[in-house]
């Protein structure tokens, strides 16, 4: 079965989202919007992605707003979401390996396209290591 990856953004992340969709044609994306440059509220799009994860429509997600900060805060309001704001491949790798993050957030106005591509690629390919990290992840889930 092909893994489905949800992606959503506000207006500040639209251009980067469009670049990522083109850059990963082999990924089965669930595009949750936005699809226009008109101003929208990032909590709405974090909520759409959280719902897709909860409903089993996607297994992981990528969120993008202008800085990545607001949309990551909004996503982490949902107990089943572990969203990491990443700025480089090390963060993208470690959030999967050590924190079992199921969502990454990127800043469309602060993260270059090449760096964002590298982050998404590493995030999608890295695996949770479990072991000593499992207890910490369990504590996050208990919050």
Protein backbone atom coordinates (compact mmCIF):
# COMPACT_ATOMS: atom_id res chain seq x y z
CA UNK A 1 0.00 0.00 0.00
CA UNK A 2 1.32 3.43 -0.92
CA UNK A 3 1.87 5.83 1.93
CA UNK A 4 -0.25 8.99 1.66
CA UNK A 5 1.30 12.26 2.82
CA UNK A 6 -0.98 15.18 3.65
CA UNK A 7 0.22 18.67 2.81
CA UNK A 8 -1.39 21.99 3.72
CA UNK A 9 -0.43 25.63 3.91
CA UNK A 10 -1.67 29.13 4.35
CA UNK A 11 -1.06 31.90 1.82
CA UNK A 12 2.50 32.42 3.15
CA UNK A 13 3.39 28.84 2.29
CA UNK A 14 1.61 28.46 -1.04
CA UNK A 15 4.61 28.97 -3.33
CA UNK A 16 6.75 26.50 -1.37
CA UNK A 17 3.92 23.95 -1.26
CA UNK A 18 3.56 24.12 -5.04
CA UNK A 19 7.31 23.60 -5.46
CA UNK A 20 7.28 20.60 -3.13
CA UNK A 21 4.36 18.98 -4.93
CA UNK A 22 6.29 19.25 -8.22
CA UNK A 23 9.54 18.05 -6.65
CA UNK A 24 8.09 14.78 -5.35
CA UNK A 25 5.92 13.35 -8.14
CA UNK A 26 6.41 9.84 -6.73
CA UNK A 27 4.74 10.82 -3.43
CA UNK A 28 1.01 10.29 -3.13
CA UNK A 29 0.01 13.70 -1.77
CA UNK A 30 -3.28 14.61 -0.12
CA UNK A 31 -3.36 18.34 -0.86
CA UNK A 32 -5.53 20.06 1.73
CA UNK A 33 -5.01 23.61 0.46
CA UNK A 34 -4.82 26.49 0.33
CA UNK A 35 -4.70 26.84 -3.42
CA UNK A 36 -4.81 30.61 -3.81
CA UNK A 37 -2.77 33.58 -2.64
CA UNK A 38 -5.70 35.10 -0.76
CA UNK A 39 -5.20 35.52 2.98
CA UNK A 40 -6.31 32.52 5.05
CA UNK A 41 -5.81 31.44 8.66
CA UNK A 42 -3.10 28.83 9.29
CA UNK A 43 -4.94 27.16 12.23
CA UNK A 44 -7.65 26.07 9.78
CA UNK A 45 -5.12 24.25 7.61
CA UNK A 46 -3.34 22.67 10.56
CA UNK A 47 -6.76 21.41 11.62
CA UNK A 48 -7.47 19.93 8.19
CA UNK A 49 -4.19 18.06 8.27
CA UNK A 50 -4.75 16.86 11.84
CA UNK A 51 -8.17 15.54 10.82
CA UNK A 52 -6.68 13.69 7.85
CA UNK A 53 -4.19 11.98 10.15
CA UNK A 54 -6.84 11.11 12.71
CA UNK A 55 -9.17 9.71 10.05
CA UNK A 56 -6.38 7.59 8.55
CA UNK A 57 -6.45 9.45 5.23
CA UNK A 58 -2.70 10.14 5.58
CA UNK A 59 0.12 8.75 7.68
CA UNK A 60 2.36 11.83 7.80
CA UNK A 61 2.10 15.48 6.95
CA UNK A 62 3.87 18.62 5.81
CA UNK A 63 2.61 22.04 6.92
CA UNK A 64 3.79 25.40 5.63
CA UNK A 65 3.08 28.96 6.69
CA UNK A 66 5.20 32.09 6.36
CA UNK A 67 7.59 31.22 9.19
CA UNK A 68 6.44 27.71 10.05
CA UNK A 69 5.98 28.79 13.65
CA UNK A 70 2.25 29.49 13.81
CA UNK A 71 1.19 26.43 11.86
CA UNK A 72 3.41 24.17 13.99
CA UNK A 73 1.90 25.59 17.19
CA UNK A 74 -1.60 25.06 15.78
CA UNK A 75 -0.83 21.48 14.73
CA UNK A 76 0.56 20.54 18.12
CA UNK A 77 -2.77 21.43 19.76
CA UNK A 78 -3.96 18.01 18.54
CA UNK A 79 -2.94 15.11 20.79
CA UNK A 80 -2.21 12.72 17.92
CA UNK A 81 0.08 15.18 16.11
CA UNK A 82 3.79 15.49 16.80
CA UNK A 83 4.82 18.39 14.58
CA UNK A 84 8.40 19.60 14.38
CA UNK A 85 9.39 22.93 12.89
CA UNK A 86 12.49 22.14 10.84
CA UNK A 87 15.07 24.36 9.20
CA UNK A 88 17.59 21.77 7.99
CA UNK A 89 18.03 18.08 7.22
CA UNK A 90 19.45 17.30 10.64
CA UNK A 91 16.27 18.51 12.32
CA UNK A 92 14.14 16.67 9.77
CA UNK A 93 16.02 13.42 10.39
CA UNK A 94 16.15 13.68 14.18
CA UNK A 95 12.48 14.58 14.56
CA UNK A 96 11.64 11.24 12.93
CA UNK A 97 14.40 9.15 14.52
CA UNK A 98 14.12 10.46 18.08
CA UNK A 99 10.66 12.02 18.39
CA UNK A 100 8.58 9.94 15.97
CA UNK A 101 7.26 13.20 14.50
CA UNK A 102 4.43 12.57 12.08
CA UNK A 103 4.36 16.14 10.73
CA UNK A 104 6.99 18.69 9.81
CA UNK A 105 6.43 22.41 9.48
CA UNK A 106 8.37 24.66 7.14
CA UNK A 107 8.52 28.41 6.70
CA UNK A 108 7.65 29.45 3.17
CA UNK A 109 9.19 32.88 3.65
CA UNK A 110 12.31 31.75 5.50
CA UNK A 111 13.23 28.34 4.05
CA UNK A 112 14.71 28.03 0.59
CA UNK A 113 13.25 25.55 -1.86
CA UNK A 114 16.35 23.33 -1.97
CA UNK A 115 16.57 23.11 1.82
CA UNK A 116 12.83 22.40 2.03
CA UNK A 117 13.16 19.62 -0.56
CA UNK A 118 16.01 18.07 1.39
CA UNK A 119 14.03 18.29 4.63
CA UNK A 120 10.96 16.63 3.13
CA UNK A 121 13.05 13.90 1.51
CA UNK A 122 14.81 13.06 4.79
CA UNK A 123 11.59 13.31 6.82
CA UNK A 124 9.80 10.87 4.52
CA UNK A 125 12.65 8.36 4.50
CA UNK A 126 13.80 8.39 8.14
CA UNK A 127 12.42 5.86 10.60
CA UNK A 128 11.71 6.13 14.31
CA UNK A 129 14.50 4.42 16.25
CA UNK A 130 12.39 3.47 19.27
CA UNK A 131 14.56 2.16 22.07
CA UNK A 132 15.54 4.85 24.54
CA UNK A 133 13.35 7.33 22.68
CA UNK A 134 10.12 5.33 23.03
CA UNK A 135 9.52 6.27 26.66
CA UNK A 136 9.86 9.94 25.86
CA UNK A 137 7.43 9.70 22.97
CA UNK A 138 5.01 7.84 25.22
CA UNK A 139 5.21 10.74 27.69
CA UNK A 140 4.41 13.18 24.88
CA UNK A 141 1.36 11.12 23.98
CA UNK A 142 0.19 11.16 27.60
CA UNK A 143 0.08 14.99 27.72
